[in-house]
Amino acid sequence: MRRRAFVTGAGLTLAGVAAGGAGGGELFLLRRMKFEELGDAVVVSVALPELLPTRDASAMQSIESGFATTLRLEATVVRTKSLTPVARRVRIVKIQWNPWRERYVVQTTDQGRGAAIRYYGKRDAAIAHAITLERMRVARASALERGPSATYAVTIVGQRNPIDPESRVAADDGGGGQTRGGGDLSAFSRWIGVFVQSAPRAEKTFAVRSSPAFYLVTR
């Protein structure tokens, strides 16, 4: 499969804004992400350790107890010029200790695909895999414009143990946009704030936005 790295745009940054999500006190922060083009897929790689920090004693106790911890990750591709969402994808990750086999099970389900399962002997290794988006598909390359005049950013809203995590899995596969965010940063801030607030309630909600922005290399 042909792979092509993206070129990032220069100087496109935003200040972090309050997101006021289900758990309260969450932040919408900037984060550097890696973008690649695999065939017709736009994929992103980034870690969100804030969703399941090993220093969180209650979260670690929950994992050790044998109950499944669920992470819901929703990625939205936004065109920076118009702040229009153009594609949305969802990943559901479940991490659980199996006391009979004495290992940790991490089950990852991407939208439109079957579950992938991996096993770990160490808890921290299992958590590192669970909170890392490794080449997660977020859009179709054919749905995006090419060249430096068309720059894009990705917003990822992650939740730990949301109520009914499957309820808002988007049907879109990376085609046209569904919602307009407005034409300025304040409009985008309002859009992401409403988005987080409308998400299912969860133990933890954390939102990040890619910076700098990226564009597809002209072929």
N, C-alpha and C. Protein backbone atom coordinates (compact mmCIF):
# COMPACT_ATOMS: atom_id res chain seq x y z
N MET A 1 0.85 -1.19 0.00
CA MET A 1 0.00 0.00 0.00
C MET A 1 0.88 1.24 0.00
N ARG A 2 0.57 2.15 -0.86
CA ARG A 2 1.40 3.34 -1.00
C ARG A 2 1.23 4.26 0.20
N ARG A 3 2.37 4.72 0.72
CA ARG A 3 2.34 5.61 1.88
C ARG A 3 2.91 6.96 1.48
N ARG A 4 2.30 8.02 1.97
CA ARG A 4 2.77 9.35 1.66
C ARG A 4 2.60 10.22 2.88
N ALA A 5 3.70 10.84 3.33
CA ALA A 5 3.61 11.71 4.50
C ALA A 5 3.04 13.05 4.11
N PHE A 6 2.37 13.69 5.05
CA PHE A 6 1.83 15.01 4.83
C PHE A 6 2.87 16.06 5.19
N VAL A 7 2.71 17.24 4.60
CA VAL A 7 3.52 18.39 4.98
C VAL A 7 2.67 19.26 5.88
N THR A 8 3.21 19.66 7.04
CA THR A 8 2.43 20.48 7.96
C THR A 8 2.50 21.93 7.58
N GLY A 9 1.41 22.65 7.83
CA GLY A 9 1.38 24.08 7.58
C GLY A 9 2.20 24.82 8.62
N ALA A 10 2.65 26.00 8.30
CA ALA A 10 3.51 26.76 9.20
C ALA A 10 2.72 27.78 9.99
N GLY A 11 3.00 27.83 11.28
CA GLY A 11 2.48 28.92 12.10
C GLY A 11 1.00 28.90 12.39
N LEU A 12 0.31 27.78 12.19
CA LEU A 12 -1.12 27.73 12.45
C LEU A 12 -1.33 27.19 13.85
N THR A 13 -1.53 28.08 14.82
CA THR A 13 -1.69 27.66 16.21
C THR A 13 -2.89 28.34 16.83
N LEU A 14 -3.41 27.72 17.89
CA LEU A 14 -4.53 28.28 18.63
C LEU A 14 -4.24 28.18 20.11
N ALA A 15 -4.82 29.06 20.87
CA ALA A 15 -4.72 28.95 22.33
C ALA A 15 -5.70 27.90 22.81
N GLY A 16 -5.36 27.20 23.91
CA GLY A 16 -6.28 26.23 24.49
C GLY A 16 -7.50 26.95 25.03
N VAL A 17 -8.66 26.31 24.96
CA VAL A 17 -9.89 26.92 25.46
C VAL A 17 -10.59 25.95 26.39
N ALA A 18 -11.39 26.48 27.30
CA ALA A 18 -12.15 25.63 28.21
C ALA A 18 -13.22 24.89 27.43
N ALA A 19 -13.38 23.59 27.74
CA ALA A 19 -14.37 22.80 27.03
C ALA A 19 -15.55 22.43 27.91
N GLY A 20 -15.41 22.47 29.22
CA GLY A 20 -16.54 22.25 30.13
C GLY A 20 -17.33 21.01 29.85
N GLY A 21 -16.67 19.86 29.76
CA GLY A 21 -17.36 18.63 29.38
C GLY A 21 -18.06 17.96 30.53
N ALA A 22 -18.38 16.67 30.32
CA ALA A 22 -19.22 15.94 31.27
C ALA A 22 -18.58 15.85 32.64
N GLY A 23 -17.27 15.69 32.70
CA GLY A 23 -16.61 15.54 33.98
C GLY A 23 -16.27 16.85 34.64
N GLY A 24 -16.33 17.96 33.88
CA GLY A 24 -16.02 19.27 34.43
C GLY A 24 -14.53 19.51 34.47
N GLY A 25 -14.10 20.75 34.14
CA GLY A 25 -12.71 21.12 34.26
C GLY A 25 -11.81 20.58 33.17
N GLU A 26 -12.36 20.01 32.09
CA GLU A 26 -11.54 19.50 31.03
C GLU A 26 -11.00 20.64 30.18
N LEU A 27 -9.95 20.37 29.42
CA LEU A 27 -9.36 21.37 28.57
C LEU A 27 -9.31 20.89 27.13
N PHE A 28 -9.44 21.83 26.24
CA PHE A 28 -9.25 21.58 24.82
C PHE A 28 -7.86 22.12 24.51
N LEU A 29 -6.89 21.24 24.28
CA LEU A 29 -5.49 21.63 24.18
C LEU A 29 -4.91 21.33 22.80
N LEU A 30 -3.85 22.04 22.48
CA LEU A 30 -3.13 21.80 21.24
C LEU A 30 -2.19 20.61 21.42
N ARG A 31 -2.03 19.82 20.37
CA ARG A 31 -1.13 18.67 20.43
C ARG A 31 -0.57 18.39 19.05
N ARG A 32 0.74 18.14 18.99
CA ARG A 32 1.35 17.76 17.73
C ARG A 32 0.95 16.33 17.38
N MET A 33 0.51 16.12 16.14
CA MET A 33 0.08 14.81 15.68
C MET A 33 0.81 14.45 14.40
N LYS A 34 0.92 13.17 14.12
CA LYS A 34 1.55 12.70 12.90
C LYS A 34 0.47 12.27 11.91
N PHE A 35 0.54 12.82 10.69
CA PHE A 35 -0.43 12.49 9.65
C PHE A 35 0.26 11.78 8.51
N GLU A 36 -0.43 10.78 7.95
CA GLU A 36 0.07 10.05 6.80
C GLU A 36 -1.08 9.75 5.86
N GLU A 37 -0.71 9.46 4.61
CA GLU A 37 -1.69 9.05 3.62
C GLU A 37 -1.38 7.61 3.23
N LEU A 38 -2.32 6.71 3.50
CA LEU A 38 -2.17 5.30 3.16
C LEU A 38 -3.25 4.94 2.16
N GLY A 39 -2.88 4.82 0.89
CA GLY A 39 -3.89 4.62 -0.13
C GLY A 39 -4.82 5.83 -0.16
N ASP A 40 -6.11 5.58 0.04
CA ASP A 40 -7.08 6.68 0.07
C ASP A 40 -7.42 7.08 1.50
N ALA A 41 -6.67 6.57 2.47
CA ALA A 41 -6.98 6.86 3.87
C ALA A 41 -6.04 7.92 4.42
N VAL A 42 -6.61 8.88 5.14
CA VAL A 42 -5.84 9.84 5.94
C VAL A 42 -5.80 9.27 7.35
N VAL A 43 -4.59 9.03 7.88
CA VAL A 43 -4.47 8.42 9.20
C VAL A 43 -3.70 9.35 10.12
N VAL A 44 -3.97 9.24 11.41
CA VAL A 44 -3.32 10.08 12.41
C VAL A 44 -2.76 9.20 13.52
N SER A 45 -1.63 9.63 14.08
CA SER A 45 -1.03 8.95 15.22
C SER A 45 -0.79 9.96 16.33
N VAL A 46 -1.28 9.67 17.53
CA VAL A 46 -1.11 10.57 18.67
C VAL A 46 -1.49 9.80 19.93
N ALA A 47 -0.94 10.20 21.07
CA ALA A 47 -1.27 9.58 22.36
C ALA A 47 -2.07 10.55 23.20
N LEU A 48 -3.01 10.01 23.99
CA LEU A 48 -3.82 10.79 24.93
C LEU A 48 -3.69 10.18 26.33
N PRO A 49 -2.52 10.30 26.95
CA PRO A 49 -2.32 9.69 28.27
C PRO A 49 -3.20 10.28 29.35
N GLU A 50 -3.73 11.49 29.12
CA GLU A 50 -4.58 12.13 30.13
C GLU A 50 -5.87 11.36 30.39
N LEU A 51 -6.28 10.53 29.45
CA LEU A 51 -7.52 9.77 29.62
C LEU A 51 -7.40 8.66 30.65
N LEU A 52 -6.20 8.10 30.77
CA LEU A 52 -6.02 6.97 31.67
C LEU A 52 -4.62 7.03 32.30
N PRO A 53 -4.36 8.05 33.14
CA PRO A 53 -3.03 8.20 33.75
C PRO A 53 -2.80 7.13 34.80
N THR A 54 -1.60 6.57 34.82
CA THR A 54 -1.30 5.52 35.79
C THR A 54 -1.28 6.05 37.22
N ARG A 55 -1.18 7.36 37.39
CA ARG A 55 -1.20 7.94 38.74
C ARG A 55 -2.63 8.06 39.29
N ASP A 56 -3.63 7.77 38.46
CA ASP A 56 -5.03 7.81 38.89
C ASP A 56 -5.34 6.49 39.60
N ALA A 57 -5.30 6.52 40.93
CA ALA A 57 -5.43 5.29 41.71
C ALA A 57 -6.76 4.58 41.47
N SER A 58 -7.85 5.34 41.41
CA SER A 58 -9.16 4.72 41.24
C SER A 58 -9.29 4.06 39.87
N ALA A 59 -8.74 4.70 38.84
CA ALA A 59 -8.79 4.13 37.50
C ALA A 59 -7.97 2.85 37.43
N MET A 60 -6.80 2.85 38.09
CA MET A 60 -5.96 1.66 38.09
C MET A 60 -6.61 0.53 38.88
N GLN A 61 -7.26 0.85 39.99
CA GLN A 61 -7.95 -0.17 40.78
C GLN A 61 -9.08 -0.80 39.98
N SER A 62 -9.76 0.05 39.18
CA SER A 62 -10.84 -0.46 38.36
C SER A 62 -10.33 -1.48 37.34
N ILE A 63 -9.19 -1.18 36.72
CA ILE A 63 -8.61 -2.11 35.76
C ILE A 63 -8.18 -3.40 36.44
N GLU A 64 -7.51 -3.28 37.58
CA GLU A 64 -7.02 -4.46 38.29
C GLU A 64 -8.16 -5.34 38.80
N SER A 65 -9.33 -4.75 38.99
CA SER A 65 -10.46 -5.52 39.53
C SER A 65 -11.02 -6.51 38.53
N GLY A 66 -10.67 -6.34 37.25
CA GLY A 66 -11.19 -7.24 36.24
C GLY A 66 -12.33 -6.67 35.44
N PHE A 67 -12.84 -5.49 35.83
CA PHE A 67 -13.90 -4.84 35.06
C PHE A 67 -13.28 -4.14 33.85
N ALA A 68 -14.01 -4.11 32.74
CA ALA A 68 -13.51 -3.48 31.53
C ALA A 68 -13.58 -1.96 31.66
N THR A 69 -12.49 -1.29 31.28
CA THR A 69 -12.47 0.17 31.16
C THR A 69 -12.61 0.51 29.69
N THR A 70 -13.57 1.39 29.38
CA THR A 70 -13.86 1.73 28.00
C THR A 70 -13.40 3.15 27.68
N LEU A 71 -12.68 3.29 26.57
CA LEU A 71 -12.28 4.60 26.07
C LEU A 71 -12.99 4.84 24.74
N ARG A 72 -13.61 6.01 24.63
CA ARG A 72 -14.27 6.39 23.37
C ARG A 72 -13.52 7.57 22.79
N LEU A 73 -13.05 7.44 21.55
CA LEU A 73 -12.25 8.46 20.90
C LEU A 73 -12.93 8.88 19.61
N GLU A 74 -13.33 10.13 19.52
CA GLU A 74 -14.00 10.64 18.32
C GLU A 74 -13.13 11.70 17.68
N ALA A 75 -12.70 11.44 16.45
CA ALA A 75 -11.81 12.35 15.72
C ALA A 75 -12.60 13.07 14.63
N THR A 76 -12.46 14.39 14.57
CA THR A 76 -13.14 15.20 13.57
C THR A 76 -12.10 16.00 12.78
N VAL A 77 -12.16 15.89 11.46
CA VAL A 77 -11.27 16.66 10.58
C VAL A 77 -11.98 17.97 10.24
N VAL A 78 -11.26 19.08 10.45
CA VAL A 78 -11.83 20.41 10.24
C VAL A 78 -10.97 21.18 9.25
N ARG A 79 -11.60 21.81 8.27
CA ARG A 79 -10.86 22.69 7.36
C ARG A 79 -10.61 24.01 8.09
N THR A 80 -9.34 24.41 8.18
CA THR A 80 -9.01 25.54 9.04
C THR A 80 -9.53 26.87 8.50
N LYS A 81 -9.64 27.03 7.19
CA LYS A 81 -10.06 28.32 6.63
C LYS A 81 -11.50 28.63 6.97
N SER A 82 -12.38 27.65 6.84
CA SER A 82 -13.80 27.86 7.11
C SER A 82 -14.24 27.30 8.44
N LEU A 83 -13.35 26.52 9.11
CA LEU A 83 -13.68 25.83 10.35
C LEU A 83 -14.88 24.91 10.17
N THR A 84 -14.94 24.28 9.00
CA THR A 84 -16.02 23.36 8.68
C THR A 84 -15.59 21.92 8.93
N PRO A 85 -16.31 21.17 9.77
CA PRO A 85 -16.02 19.74 9.94
C PRO A 85 -16.29 19.00 8.63
N VAL A 86 -15.33 18.23 8.15
CA VAL A 86 -15.49 17.55 6.87
C VAL A 86 -15.50 16.02 7.00
N ALA A 87 -15.12 15.48 8.14
CA ALA A 87 -15.15 14.03 8.34
C ALA A 87 -15.09 13.74 9.83
N ARG A 88 -15.67 12.61 10.22
CA ARG A 88 -15.71 12.24 11.63
C ARG A 88 -15.62 10.73 11.76
N ARG A 89 -14.78 10.26 12.68
CA ARG A 89 -14.61 8.83 12.90
C ARG A 89 -14.57 8.53 14.39
N VAL A 90 -14.92 7.30 14.77
CA VAL A 90 -14.98 6.91 16.18
C VAL A 90 -14.19 5.63 16.40
N ARG A 91 -13.46 5.59 17.52
CA ARG A 91 -12.77 4.37 17.96
C ARG A 91 -13.21 4.05 19.38
N ILE A 92 -13.51 2.77 19.63
CA ILE A 92 -13.86 2.30 20.97
C ILE A 92 -12.76 1.33 21.42
N VAL A 93 -12.18 1.60 22.59
CA VAL A 93 -11.11 0.75 23.13
C VAL A 93 -11.55 0.23 24.49
N LYS A 94 -11.38 -1.06 24.71
CA LYS A 94 -11.69 -1.66 26.00
C LYS A 94 -10.43 -2.33 26.53
N ILE A 95 -10.09 -2.04 27.79
CA ILE A 95 -8.93 -2.64 28.44
C ILE A 95 -9.40 -3.37 29.69
N GLN A 96 -8.94 -4.62 29.87
CA GLN A 96 -9.45 -5.45 30.97
C GLN A 96 -8.40 -6.46 31.41
N TRP A 97 -8.34 -6.71 32.71
CA TRP A 97 -7.45 -7.73 33.27
C TRP A 97 -8.17 -9.06 33.25
N ASN A 98 -7.51 -10.08 32.69
CA ASN A 98 -8.05 -11.43 32.66
C ASN A 98 -7.35 -12.25 33.74
N PRO A 99 -8.01 -12.50 34.88
CA PRO A 99 -7.34 -13.17 36.00
C PRO A 99 -7.04 -14.64 35.72
N TRP A 100 -7.75 -15.26 34.80
CA TRP A 100 -7.52 -16.67 34.52
C TRP A 100 -6.27 -16.85 33.66
N ARG A 101 -6.10 -15.98 32.69
CA ARG A 101 -4.90 -16.06 31.84
C ARG A 101 -3.78 -15.16 32.34
N GLU A 102 -4.07 -14.39 33.37
CA GLU A 102 -3.10 -13.49 33.99
C GLU A 102 -2.44 -12.58 32.96
N ARG A 103 -3.27 -11.89 32.22
CA ARG A 103 -2.77 -10.91 31.26
C ARG A 103 -3.86 -9.89 30.99
N TYR A 104 -3.44 -8.77 30.41
CA TYR A 104 -4.36 -7.67 30.10
C TYR A 104 -4.80 -7.79 28.64
N VAL A 105 -6.08 -7.56 28.44
CA VAL A 105 -6.66 -7.65 27.09
C VAL A 105 -7.06 -6.24 26.64
N VAL A 106 -6.62 -5.85 25.45
CA VAL A 106 -7.00 -4.56 24.88
C VAL A 106 -7.72 -4.83 23.57
N GLN A 107 -8.99 -4.44 23.52
CA GLN A 107 -9.81 -4.64 22.33
C GLN A 107 -10.09 -3.29 21.68
N THR A 108 -9.73 -3.15 20.41
CA THR A 108 -9.89 -1.89 19.67
C THR A 108 -10.87 -2.09 18.53
N THR A 109 -11.89 -1.25 18.46
CA THR A 109 -12.88 -1.33 17.39
C THR A 109 -12.97 0.01 16.69
N ASP A 110 -12.60 0.03 15.42
CA ASP A 110 -12.73 1.23 14.61
C ASP A 110 -14.04 1.17 13.84
N GLN A 111 -14.56 2.34 13.55
CA GLN A 111 -15.84 2.45 12.84
C GLN A 111 -15.80 1.68 11.52
N GLY A 112 -16.77 0.78 11.35
CA GLY A 112 -16.87 0.04 10.10
C GLY A 112 -15.94 -1.16 10.02
N ARG A 113 -15.23 -1.48 11.11
CA ARG A 113 -14.30 -2.60 11.10
C ARG A 113 -14.53 -3.50 12.31
N GLY A 114 -14.03 -4.73 12.22
CA GLY A 114 -14.14 -5.64 13.34
C GLY A 114 -13.13 -5.30 14.42
N ALA A 115 -13.28 -5.94 15.57
CA ALA A 115 -12.42 -5.65 16.71
C ALA A 115 -11.05 -6.30 16.53
N ALA A 116 -10.01 -5.57 16.96
CA ALA A 116 -8.65 -6.10 17.01
C ALA A 116 -8.27 -6.29 18.47
N ILE A 117 -7.70 -7.44 18.82
CA ILE A 117 -7.41 -7.77 20.21
C ILE A 117 -5.91 -8.02 20.38
N ARG A 118 -5.35 -7.41 21.43
CA ARG A 118 -3.95 -7.63 21.78
C ARG A 118 -3.84 -7.95 23.27
N TYR A 119 -2.80 -8.71 23.64
CA TYR A 119 -2.63 -9.15 25.02
C TYR A 119 -1.29 -8.65 25.55
N TYR A 120 -1.28 -8.31 26.83
CA TYR A 120 -0.07 -7.77 27.46
C TYR A 120 0.10 -8.38 28.85
N GLY A 121 1.35 -8.64 29.21
CA GLY A 121 1.64 -9.12 30.55
C GLY A 121 1.78 -8.00 31.56
N LYS A 122 2.09 -6.79 31.08
CA LYS A 122 2.29 -5.64 31.95
C LYS A 122 1.15 -4.63 31.77
N ARG A 123 0.65 -4.14 32.89
CA ARG A 123 -0.47 -3.19 32.84
C ARG A 123 -0.10 -1.91 32.09
N ASP A 124 1.08 -1.35 32.37
CA ASP A 124 1.45 -0.08 31.74
C ASP A 124 1.58 -0.21 30.23
N ALA A 125 2.03 -1.36 29.76
CA ALA A 125 2.13 -1.59 28.32
C ALA A 125 0.74 -1.65 27.69
N ALA A 126 -0.19 -2.28 28.38
CA ALA A 126 -1.56 -2.36 27.88
C ALA A 126 -2.20 -0.98 27.83
N ILE A 127 -1.96 -0.17 28.87
CA ILE A 127 -2.52 1.18 28.90
C ILE A 127 -1.92 2.03 27.79
N ALA A 128 -0.59 1.92 27.58
CA ALA A 128 0.07 2.69 26.53
C ALA A 128 -0.55 2.40 25.17
N HIS A 129 -0.87 1.13 24.92
CA HIS A 129 -1.52 0.79 23.65
C HIS A 129 -2.94 1.34 23.59
N ALA A 130 -3.65 1.27 24.70
CA ALA A 130 -5.05 1.70 24.71
C ALA A 130 -5.20 3.20 24.46
N ILE A 131 -4.29 4.01 24.97
CA ILE A 131 -4.45 5.46 24.87
C ILE A 131 -3.72 6.05 23.65
N THR A 132 -3.15 5.18 22.82
CA THR A 132 -2.43 5.66 21.64
C THR A 132 -3.21 5.37 20.37
N LEU A 133 -3.49 6.41 19.59
CA LEU A 133 -4.08 6.24 18.28
C LEU A 133 -2.94 6.02 17.30
N GLU A 134 -2.79 4.81 16.83
CA GLU A 134 -1.71 4.47 15.90
C GLU A 134 -2.30 4.31 14.51
N ARG A 135 -2.06 5.32 13.67
CA ARG A 135 -2.57 5.31 12.30
C ARG A 135 -4.09 5.06 12.26
N MET A 136 -4.80 5.82 13.06
CA MET A 136 -6.26 5.75 13.03
C MET A 136 -6.77 6.50 11.80
N ARG A 137 -7.62 5.85 11.05
CA ARG A 137 -8.20 6.47 9.86
C ARG A 137 -9.19 7.55 10.27
N VAL A 138 -9.02 8.76 9.73
CA VAL A 138 -9.91 9.86 10.10
C VAL A 138 -10.65 10.46 8.91
N ALA A 139 -10.22 10.16 7.68
CA ALA A 139 -10.90 10.72 6.51
C ALA A 139 -10.43 9.99 5.26
N ARG A 140 -11.12 10.21 4.15
CA ARG A 140 -10.66 9.75 2.85
C ARG A 140 -9.85 10.85 2.20
N ALA A 141 -8.70 10.51 1.68
CA ALA A 141 -7.86 11.51 1.01
C ALA A 141 -8.58 12.13 -0.17
N SER A 142 -9.38 11.33 -0.86
CA SER A 142 -10.09 11.82 -2.04
C SER A 142 -11.16 12.85 -1.68
N ALA A 143 -11.52 12.93 -0.39
CA ALA A 143 -12.54 13.89 0.05
C ALA A 143 -11.92 15.24 0.42
N LEU A 144 -10.58 15.31 0.47
CA LEU A 144 -9.90 16.54 0.86
C LEU A 144 -9.21 17.17 -0.34
N GLU A 145 -9.06 18.47 -0.30
CA GLU A 145 -8.33 19.18 -1.35
C GLU A 145 -6.83 19.08 -1.08
N ARG A 146 -6.04 19.20 -2.14
CA ARG A 146 -4.60 19.13 -2.00
C ARG A 146 -3.95 20.49 -2.14
N GLY A 147 -2.74 20.59 -1.57
CA GLY A 147 -1.97 21.81 -1.70
C GLY A 147 -2.05 22.67 -0.45
N PRO A 148 -1.07 23.59 -0.28
CA PRO A 148 -0.99 24.40 0.94
C PRO A 148 -2.12 25.40 1.14
N SER A 149 -2.94 25.62 0.12
CA SER A 149 -4.06 26.55 0.29
C SER A 149 -5.23 25.89 1.01
N ALA A 150 -5.21 24.56 1.15
CA ALA A 150 -6.29 23.83 1.83
C ALA A 150 -5.68 23.11 3.03
N THR A 151 -5.69 23.76 4.19
CA THR A 151 -5.11 23.16 5.40
C THR A 151 -6.22 22.61 6.29
N TYR A 152 -5.87 21.58 7.05
CA TYR A 152 -6.83 20.88 7.90
C TYR A 152 -6.24 20.66 9.29
N ALA A 153 -7.12 20.51 10.26
CA ALA A 153 -6.74 20.15 11.62
C ALA A 153 -7.66 19.03 12.08
N VAL A 154 -7.22 18.30 13.10
CA VAL A 154 -8.01 17.21 13.67
C VAL A 154 -8.27 17.49 15.14
N THR A 155 -9.53 17.42 15.52
CA THR A 155 -9.92 17.50 16.92
C THR A 155 -10.27 16.09 17.41
N ILE A 156 -9.73 15.70 18.56
CA ILE A 156 -10.03 14.39 19.13
C ILE A 156 -10.63 14.59 20.51
N VAL A 157 -11.84 14.11 20.70
CA VAL A 157 -12.50 14.13 21.99
C VAL A 157 -12.46 12.71 22.54
N GLY A 158 -11.75 12.54 23.66
CA GLY A 158 -11.64 11.22 24.28
C GLY A 158 -12.42 11.16 25.57
N GLN A 159 -13.06 10.03 25.83
CA GLN A 159 -13.82 9.84 27.06
C GLN A 159 -13.48 8.50 27.70
N ARG A 160 -13.44 8.49 29.02
CA ARG A 160 -13.23 7.24 29.77
C ARG A 160 -14.54 6.81 30.39
N ASN A 161 -14.95 5.59 30.10
CA ASN A 161 -16.18 5.00 30.62
C ASN A 161 -17.40 5.90 30.41
N PRO A 162 -17.67 6.28 29.15
CA PRO A 162 -18.90 7.05 28.89
C PRO A 162 -20.13 6.16 29.01
N ILE A 163 -21.26 6.78 29.31
CA ILE A 163 -22.52 6.05 29.32
C ILE A 163 -22.93 5.81 27.87
N ASP A 164 -23.18 4.56 27.52
CA ASP A 164 -23.60 4.18 26.17
C ASP A 164 -22.62 4.71 25.12
N PRO A 165 -21.37 4.23 25.11
CA PRO A 165 -20.36 4.76 24.20
C PRO A 165 -20.66 4.56 22.72
N GLU A 166 -21.55 3.61 22.40
CA GLU A 166 -21.85 3.34 20.99
C GLU A 166 -22.93 4.27 20.44
N SER A 167 -23.57 5.06 21.29
CA SER A 167 -24.77 5.78 20.89
C SER A 167 -24.52 6.87 19.86
N ARG A 168 -23.28 7.41 19.79
CA ARG A 168 -23.04 8.51 18.88
C ARG A 168 -21.98 8.16 17.84
N VAL A 169 -21.86 6.89 17.52
CA VAL A 169 -20.91 6.51 16.48
C VAL A 169 -21.39 7.07 15.15
N ALA A 170 -20.56 7.88 14.53
CA ALA A 170 -20.97 8.57 13.31
C ALA A 170 -21.04 7.61 12.14
N ALA A 171 -21.96 7.86 11.24
CA ALA A 171 -22.10 7.02 10.06
C ALA A 171 -21.21 7.52 8.92
N ASP A 172 -20.72 8.75 9.02
CA ASP A 172 -19.91 9.32 7.95
C ASP A 172 -18.59 8.59 7.82
N ASP A 173 -18.12 8.42 6.58
CA ASP A 173 -16.87 7.72 6.32
C ASP A 173 -15.80 8.66 5.79
N GLY A 174 -15.95 9.95 6.02
CA GLY A 174 -14.92 10.87 5.60
C GLY A 174 -15.27 11.63 4.34
N GLY A 175 -16.53 11.73 4.03
CA GLY A 175 -16.95 12.47 2.86
C GLY A 175 -17.15 13.92 3.15
N GLY A 176 -18.27 14.47 2.70
CA GLY A 176 -18.51 15.89 2.88
C GLY A 176 -18.81 16.24 4.31
N GLY A 177 -18.73 17.54 4.60
CA GLY A 177 -18.97 18.00 5.97
C GLY A 177 -20.43 17.93 6.34
N GLN A 178 -20.68 17.80 7.65
CA GLN A 178 -22.06 17.74 8.11
C GLN A 178 -22.49 19.01 8.82
N THR A 179 -21.53 19.72 9.43
CA THR A 179 -21.89 20.85 10.27
C THR A 179 -20.95 22.01 10.02
N ARG A 180 -21.45 23.21 10.00
CA ARG A 180 -20.60 24.37 9.83
C ARG A 180 -20.23 24.94 11.18
N GLY A 181 -18.94 25.22 11.34
CA GLY A 181 -18.47 25.73 12.61
C GLY A 181 -18.34 27.23 12.65
N GLY A 182 -18.53 27.92 11.52
CA GLY A 182 -18.38 29.36 11.49
C GLY A 182 -17.06 29.74 10.88
N GLY A 183 -16.74 31.05 10.88
CA GLY A 183 -15.57 31.51 10.17
C GLY A 183 -14.51 32.11 11.06
N ASP A 184 -14.54 31.90 12.37
CA ASP A 184 -13.49 32.42 13.22
C ASP A 184 -13.21 31.47 14.36
N LEU A 185 -12.15 31.78 15.14
CA LEU A 185 -11.75 30.87 16.20
C LEU A 185 -12.77 30.80 17.32
N SER A 186 -13.44 31.92 17.61
CA SER A 186 -14.44 31.90 18.66
C SER A 186 -15.60 30.99 18.27
N ALA A 187 -15.95 30.97 17.00
CA ALA A 187 -17.02 30.08 16.53
C ALA A 187 -16.61 28.63 16.70
N PHE A 188 -15.34 28.34 16.39
CA PHE A 188 -14.86 26.96 16.55
C PHE A 188 -14.85 26.58 18.03
N SER A 189 -14.45 27.51 18.88
CA SER A 189 -14.44 27.23 20.32
C SER A 189 -15.85 26.89 20.80
N ARG A 190 -16.83 27.65 20.33
CA ARG A 190 -18.22 27.37 20.73
C ARG A 190 -18.65 26.01 20.20
N TRP A 191 -18.24 25.71 18.97
CA TRP A 191 -18.63 24.43 18.36
C TRP A 191 -18.09 23.25 19.17
N ILE A 192 -16.79 23.30 19.51
CA ILE A 192 -16.22 22.17 20.25
C ILE A 192 -16.79 22.12 21.65
N GLY A 193 -17.09 23.27 22.26
CA GLY A 193 -17.70 23.28 23.59
C GLY A 193 -19.06 22.60 23.59
N VAL A 194 -19.88 22.92 22.60
CA VAL A 194 -21.19 22.30 22.48
C VAL A 194 -21.04 20.81 22.21
N PHE A 195 -20.06 20.47 21.38
CA PHE A 195 -19.84 19.06 21.05
C PHE A 195 -19.51 18.25 22.29
N VAL A 196 -18.58 18.74 23.11
CA VAL A 196 -18.19 18.01 24.31
C VAL A 196 -19.35 17.92 25.28
N GLN A 197 -20.09 19.01 25.44
CA GLN A 197 -21.20 19.02 26.38
C GLN A 197 -22.31 18.07 25.96
N SER A 198 -22.45 17.85 24.64
CA SER A 198 -23.52 16.97 24.16
C SER A 198 -23.12 15.50 24.16
N ALA A 199 -21.85 15.22 24.45
CA ALA A 199 -21.38 13.84 24.47
C ALA A 199 -21.95 13.10 25.68
N PRO A 200 -21.96 11.77 25.62
CA PRO A 200 -22.46 11.01 26.77
C PRO A 200 -21.64 11.33 28.02
N ARG A 201 -22.28 11.29 29.19
CA ARG A 201 -21.55 11.54 30.43
C ARG A 201 -20.50 10.47 30.62
N ALA A 202 -19.37 10.87 31.24
CA ALA A 202 -18.26 9.94 31.38
C ALA A 202 -17.45 10.30 32.62
N GLU A 203 -16.61 9.35 33.06
CA GLU A 203 -15.72 9.62 34.19
C GLU A 203 -14.73 10.73 33.85
N LYS A 204 -14.31 10.77 32.59
CA LYS A 204 -13.31 11.73 32.17
C LYS A 204 -13.54 12.09 30.71
N THR A 205 -13.45 13.38 30.39
CA THR A 205 -13.52 13.84 29.01
C THR A 205 -12.32 14.74 28.75
N PHE A 206 -11.64 14.51 27.63
CA PHE A 206 -10.45 15.29 27.31
C PHE A 206 -10.41 15.54 25.81
N ALA A 207 -10.19 16.79 25.41
CA ALA A 207 -10.21 17.14 24.00
C ALA A 207 -8.90 17.81 23.59
N VAL A 208 -8.38 17.43 22.42
CA VAL A 208 -7.17 18.03 21.88
C VAL A 208 -7.38 18.39 20.41
N ARG A 209 -6.57 19.33 19.94
CA ARG A 209 -6.61 19.74 18.54
C ARG A 209 -5.19 19.73 18.00
N SER A 210 -5.04 19.23 16.78
CA SER A 210 -3.71 19.15 16.18
C SER A 210 -3.15 20.53 15.89
N SER A 211 -1.85 20.68 16.14
CA SER A 211 -1.16 21.92 15.81
C SER A 211 0.31 21.58 15.57
N PRO A 212 0.88 21.99 14.44
CA PRO A 212 0.29 22.84 13.41
C PRO A 212 -0.71 22.08 12.55
N ALA A 213 -1.39 22.84 11.69
CA ALA A 213 -2.32 22.22 10.75
C ALA A 213 -1.54 21.45 9.68
N PHE A 214 -2.23 20.66 8.85
CA PHE A 214 -1.57 19.89 7.82
C PHE A 214 -2.27 20.09 6.48
N TYR A 215 -1.57 19.74 5.41
CA TYR A 215 -2.21 19.71 4.09
C TYR A 215 -1.68 18.52 3.30
N LEU A 216 -2.44 18.07 2.32
CA LEU A 216 -2.03 16.95 1.48
C LEU A 216 -1.07 17.46 0.42
N VAL A 217 0.02 16.73 0.23
CA VAL A 217 1.01 17.12 -0.78
C VAL A 217 0.39 16.98 -2.17
N THR A 218 0.64 17.97 -3.01
CA THR A 218 0.13 17.93 -4.38
C THR A 218 0.87 16.87 -5.18
N ARG A 219 0.13 16.03 -5.88
CA ARG A 219 0.76 14.95 -6.64
C ARG A 219 1.09 15.42 -8.06
